[in-house]
Amino acid sequence: MVAFVYDGNRRVVEPHMVSVYRDGDVMLHAWQRCGGSGTDWRDFEVAKIERLAITEWTFRKPHSGYHPSAKPYVRIVCRLEPVE
């Protein structure tokens, strides 16, 4: 997992995909474990992420509800493979 500051709030997330959206923004699609506006799926504009740090915490597989094909991307930079 990674921790960072976004919109002034510390977040801890399980990163699942980094992609380039149609508008050109590079986005991180992640399951937010804590911080900010609570636990749920979130998209973060990479250019707005501050103080990024890799944590000692890990996760074993994609979180339920992970559907990378539903995102409005034009290019995938990296992603976890969905578990069927």
N, C-alpha and C. Protein backbone atom coordinates (compact mmCIF):
# COMPACT_ATOMS: atom_id res chain seq x y z
N MET A 1 0.84 -1.18 0.00
CA MET A 1 0.00 0.00 0.00
C MET A 1 0.88 1.24 0.00
N VAL A 2 0.28 2.34 -0.36
CA VAL A 2 1.00 3.61 -0.36
C VAL A 2 0.21 4.64 0.45
N ALA A 3 0.94 5.61 0.97
CA ALA A 3 0.33 6.72 1.70
C ALA A 3 0.74 8.01 0.99
N PHE A 4 -0.15 8.98 1.02
CA PHE A 4 0.16 10.27 0.41
C PHE A 4 -0.83 11.31 0.92
N VAL A 5 -0.55 12.56 0.58
CA VAL A 5 -1.46 13.67 0.89
C VAL A 5 -2.13 14.07 -0.41
N TYR A 6 -3.46 14.21 -0.36
CA TYR A 6 -4.24 14.60 -1.54
C TYR A 6 -5.35 15.53 -1.06
N ASP A 7 -5.47 16.68 -1.68
CA ASP A 7 -6.44 17.69 -1.26
C ASP A 7 -6.32 18.00 0.23
N GLY A 8 -5.09 18.02 0.73
CA GLY A 8 -4.84 18.37 2.12
C GLY A 8 -5.09 17.27 3.13
N ASN A 9 -5.47 16.08 2.67
CA ASN A 9 -5.75 14.97 3.58
C ASN A 9 -4.79 13.82 3.33
N ARG A 10 -4.33 13.19 4.43
CA ARG A 10 -3.49 11.99 4.30
C ARG A 10 -4.38 10.82 3.92
N ARG A 11 -3.93 10.02 2.97
CA ARG A 11 -4.66 8.85 2.50
C ARG A 11 -3.74 7.63 2.55
N VAL A 12 -4.33 6.47 2.79
CA VAL A 12 -3.63 5.20 2.64
C VAL A 12 -4.47 4.37 1.68
N VAL A 13 -3.85 3.92 0.58
CA VAL A 13 -4.62 3.25 -0.46
C VAL A 13 -3.94 1.97 -0.94
N GLU A 14 -4.76 1.10 -1.53
CA GLU A 14 -4.30 -0.07 -2.27
C GLU A 14 -4.32 0.32 -3.75
N PRO A 15 -3.17 0.61 -4.35
CA PRO A 15 -3.18 1.03 -5.75
C PRO A 15 -3.52 -0.15 -6.67
N HIS A 16 -4.41 0.08 -7.62
CA HIS A 16 -4.84 -0.97 -8.54
C HIS A 16 -4.50 -0.67 -9.99
N MET A 17 -4.56 0.60 -10.39
CA MET A 17 -4.29 0.93 -11.79
C MET A 17 -3.84 2.38 -11.92
N VAL A 18 -2.89 2.60 -12.82
CA VAL A 18 -2.50 3.94 -13.23
C VAL A 18 -2.79 4.02 -14.73
N SER A 19 -3.54 5.04 -15.12
CA SER A 19 -3.92 5.16 -16.53
C SER A 19 -3.98 6.62 -16.94
N VAL A 20 -3.99 6.83 -18.25
CA VAL A 20 -4.15 8.16 -18.82
C VAL A 20 -5.60 8.27 -19.28
N TYR A 21 -6.30 9.26 -18.77
CA TYR A 21 -7.70 9.47 -19.13
C TYR A 21 -7.81 10.25 -20.43
N ARG A 22 -9.01 10.32 -20.97
CA ARG A 22 -9.26 11.00 -22.25
C ARG A 22 -8.83 12.47 -22.24
N ASP A 23 -8.93 13.10 -21.06
CA ASP A 23 -8.54 14.52 -20.97
C ASP A 23 -7.04 14.71 -20.78
N GLY A 24 -6.27 13.61 -20.75
CA GLY A 24 -4.82 13.67 -20.62
C GLY A 24 -4.31 13.53 -19.21
N ASP A 25 -5.20 13.56 -18.21
CA ASP A 25 -4.76 13.41 -16.82
C ASP A 25 -4.29 11.99 -16.55
N VAL A 26 -3.20 11.87 -15.82
CA VAL A 26 -2.73 10.56 -15.35
C VAL A 26 -3.40 10.32 -14.01
N MET A 27 -4.09 9.19 -13.90
CA MET A 27 -4.92 8.92 -12.73
C MET A 27 -4.52 7.62 -12.05
N LEU A 28 -4.61 7.63 -10.73
CA LEU A 28 -4.43 6.43 -9.91
C LEU A 28 -5.81 5.97 -9.47
N HIS A 29 -6.16 4.74 -9.80
CA HIS A 29 -7.42 4.14 -9.35
C HIS A 29 -7.06 3.24 -8.18
N ALA A 30 -7.66 3.48 -7.02
CA ALA A 30 -7.23 2.78 -5.81
C ALA A 30 -8.38 2.57 -4.84
N TRP A 31 -8.23 1.56 -4.00
CA TRP A 31 -9.15 1.34 -2.89
C TRP A 31 -8.58 2.13 -1.71
N GLN A 32 -9.31 3.12 -1.25
CA GLN A 32 -8.85 3.94 -0.13
C GLN A 32 -9.16 3.23 1.17
N ARG A 33 -8.11 2.92 1.93
CA ARG A 33 -8.26 2.21 3.21
C ARG A 33 -8.60 3.16 4.34
N CYS A 34 -7.99 4.35 4.32
CA CYS A 34 -8.30 5.32 5.38
C CYS A 34 -7.87 6.71 4.92
N GLY A 35 -8.44 7.68 5.60
CA GLY A 35 -8.12 9.07 5.32
C GLY A 35 -9.13 9.72 4.41
N GLY A 36 -9.00 11.02 4.27
CA GLY A 36 -9.87 11.75 3.36
C GLY A 36 -11.34 11.53 3.63
N SER A 37 -12.04 11.05 2.63
CA SER A 37 -13.50 10.91 2.73
C SER A 37 -13.94 9.48 3.02
N GLY A 38 -13.10 8.68 3.66
CA GLY A 38 -13.50 7.34 4.07
C GLY A 38 -13.06 6.25 3.12
N THR A 39 -13.51 5.04 3.40
CA THR A 39 -13.13 3.84 2.66
C THR A 39 -14.04 3.64 1.45
N ASP A 40 -13.41 3.54 0.27
CA ASP A 40 -14.17 3.29 -0.97
C ASP A 40 -13.19 3.38 -2.14
N TRP A 41 -13.70 3.10 -3.34
CA TRP A 41 -12.91 3.31 -4.55
C TRP A 41 -12.75 4.80 -4.79
N ARG A 42 -11.53 5.19 -5.17
CA ARG A 42 -11.24 6.59 -5.45
C ARG A 42 -10.32 6.69 -6.67
N ASP A 43 -10.45 7.78 -7.38
CA ASP A 43 -9.53 8.12 -8.46
C ASP A 43 -8.78 9.37 -8.03
N PHE A 44 -7.46 9.33 -8.16
CA PHE A 44 -6.60 10.43 -7.75
C PHE A 44 -5.79 10.92 -8.95
N GLU A 45 -5.81 12.21 -9.18
CA GLU A 45 -4.97 12.78 -10.23
C GLU A 45 -3.53 12.75 -9.73
N VAL A 46 -2.68 12.02 -10.43
CA VAL A 46 -1.30 11.81 -9.99
C VAL A 46 -0.57 13.13 -9.77
N ALA A 47 -0.80 14.12 -10.59
CA ALA A 47 -0.11 15.41 -10.46
C ALA A 47 -0.44 16.12 -9.15
N LYS A 48 -1.53 15.75 -8.49
CA LYS A 48 -1.93 16.39 -7.24
C LYS A 48 -1.52 15.61 -6.00
N ILE A 49 -0.90 14.44 -6.18
CA ILE A 49 -0.44 13.63 -5.05
C ILE A 49 0.83 14.24 -4.49
N GLU A 50 0.85 14.41 -3.16
CA GLU A 50 2.02 14.96 -2.47
C GLU A 50 2.52 13.97 -1.42
N ARG A 51 3.81 14.04 -1.15
CA ARG A 51 4.45 13.25 -0.09
C ARG A 51 4.12 11.75 -0.18
N LEU A 52 4.26 11.19 -1.34
CA LEU A 52 3.99 9.77 -1.56
C LEU A 52 5.03 8.91 -0.84
N ALA A 53 4.56 7.87 -0.15
CA ALA A 53 5.46 6.95 0.54
C ALA A 53 4.91 5.53 0.45
N ILE A 54 5.80 4.59 0.23
CA ILE A 54 5.42 3.18 0.26
C ILE A 54 5.35 2.77 1.73
N THR A 55 4.25 2.11 2.11
CA THR A 55 4.08 1.69 3.50
C THR A 55 4.59 0.26 3.70
N GLU A 56 4.60 -0.19 4.93
CA GLU A 56 4.97 -1.58 5.22
C GLU A 56 3.79 -2.53 5.04
N TRP A 57 2.60 -2.00 4.83
CA TRP A 57 1.39 -2.81 4.68
C TRP A 57 1.27 -3.30 3.24
N THR A 58 0.69 -4.48 3.09
CA THR A 58 0.50 -5.06 1.76
C THR A 58 -0.94 -5.54 1.62
N PHE A 59 -1.30 -5.93 0.40
CA PHE A 59 -2.59 -6.57 0.16
C PHE A 59 -2.35 -7.69 -0.84
N ARG A 60 -3.18 -8.73 -0.78
CA ARG A 60 -2.91 -9.95 -1.54
C ARG A 60 -3.52 -10.00 -2.94
N LYS A 61 -4.66 -9.35 -3.13
CA LYS A 61 -5.34 -9.44 -4.42
C LYS A 61 -6.19 -8.18 -4.63
N PRO A 62 -6.68 -7.99 -5.84
CA PRO A 62 -7.53 -6.82 -6.07
C PRO A 62 -8.75 -6.82 -5.15
N HIS A 63 -9.11 -5.65 -4.72
CA HIS A 63 -10.27 -5.47 -3.83
C HIS A 63 -11.54 -5.75 -4.63
N SER A 64 -12.59 -6.25 -3.95
CA SER A 64 -13.84 -6.53 -4.66
C SER A 64 -14.38 -5.24 -5.28
N GLY A 65 -15.00 -5.38 -6.43
CA GLY A 65 -15.51 -4.22 -7.14
C GLY A 65 -14.52 -3.62 -8.12
N TYR A 66 -13.36 -4.25 -8.28
CA TYR A 66 -12.33 -3.75 -9.20
C TYR A 66 -12.72 -4.14 -10.63
N HIS A 67 -13.04 -3.13 -11.44
CA HIS A 67 -13.43 -3.33 -12.84
C HIS A 67 -12.69 -2.32 -13.70
N PRO A 68 -11.45 -2.61 -14.05
CA PRO A 68 -10.64 -1.62 -14.79
C PRO A 68 -11.21 -1.24 -16.14
N SER A 69 -11.97 -2.11 -16.77
CA SER A 69 -12.50 -1.78 -18.09
C SER A 69 -13.60 -0.71 -18.03
N ALA A 70 -14.11 -0.41 -16.84
CA ALA A 70 -15.17 0.58 -16.70
C ALA A 70 -14.64 2.02 -16.62
N LYS A 71 -13.33 2.19 -16.56
CA LYS A 71 -12.76 3.53 -16.41
C LYS A 71 -12.59 4.19 -17.79
N PRO A 72 -12.64 5.54 -17.85
CA PRO A 72 -12.55 6.26 -19.13
C PRO A 72 -11.10 6.54 -19.57
N TYR A 73 -10.28 5.51 -19.63
CA TYR A 73 -8.88 5.71 -19.97
C TYR A 73 -8.65 5.52 -21.47
N VAL A 74 -7.54 6.08 -21.93
CA VAL A 74 -7.11 5.84 -23.31
C VAL A 74 -5.85 4.98 -23.34
N ARG A 75 -5.16 4.93 -22.19
CA ARG A 75 -3.95 4.10 -22.11
C ARG A 75 -3.73 3.67 -20.67
N ILE A 76 -3.41 2.40 -20.49
CA ILE A 76 -3.06 1.88 -19.17
C ILE A 76 -1.55 1.94 -19.02
N VAL A 77 -1.10 2.53 -17.92
CA VAL A 77 0.33 2.57 -17.61
C VAL A 77 0.71 1.27 -16.90
N CYS A 78 -0.05 0.91 -15.88
CA CYS A 78 0.12 -0.36 -15.18
C CYS A 78 -1.17 -0.67 -14.43
N ARG A 79 -1.41 -1.96 -14.17
CA ARG A 79 -2.61 -2.34 -13.45
C ARG A 79 -2.48 -3.73 -12.87
N LEU A 80 -3.28 -4.01 -11.85
CA LEU A 80 -3.42 -5.36 -11.34
C LEU A 80 -4.36 -6.10 -12.28
N GLU A 81 -4.13 -7.37 -12.46
CA GLU A 81 -5.06 -8.16 -13.24
C GLU A 81 -6.28 -8.46 -12.39
N PRO A 82 -7.48 -8.28 -12.94
CA PRO A 82 -8.70 -8.60 -12.17
C PRO A 82 -8.76 -10.09 -11.89
N VAL A 83 -9.32 -10.45 -10.75
CA VAL A 83 -9.53 -11.84 -10.39
C VAL A 83 -10.95 -12.20 -10.80
N GLU A 84 -11.09 -13.21 -11.60
CA GLU A 84 -12.44 -13.62 -12.06
C GLU A 84 -13.03 -14.62 -11.10
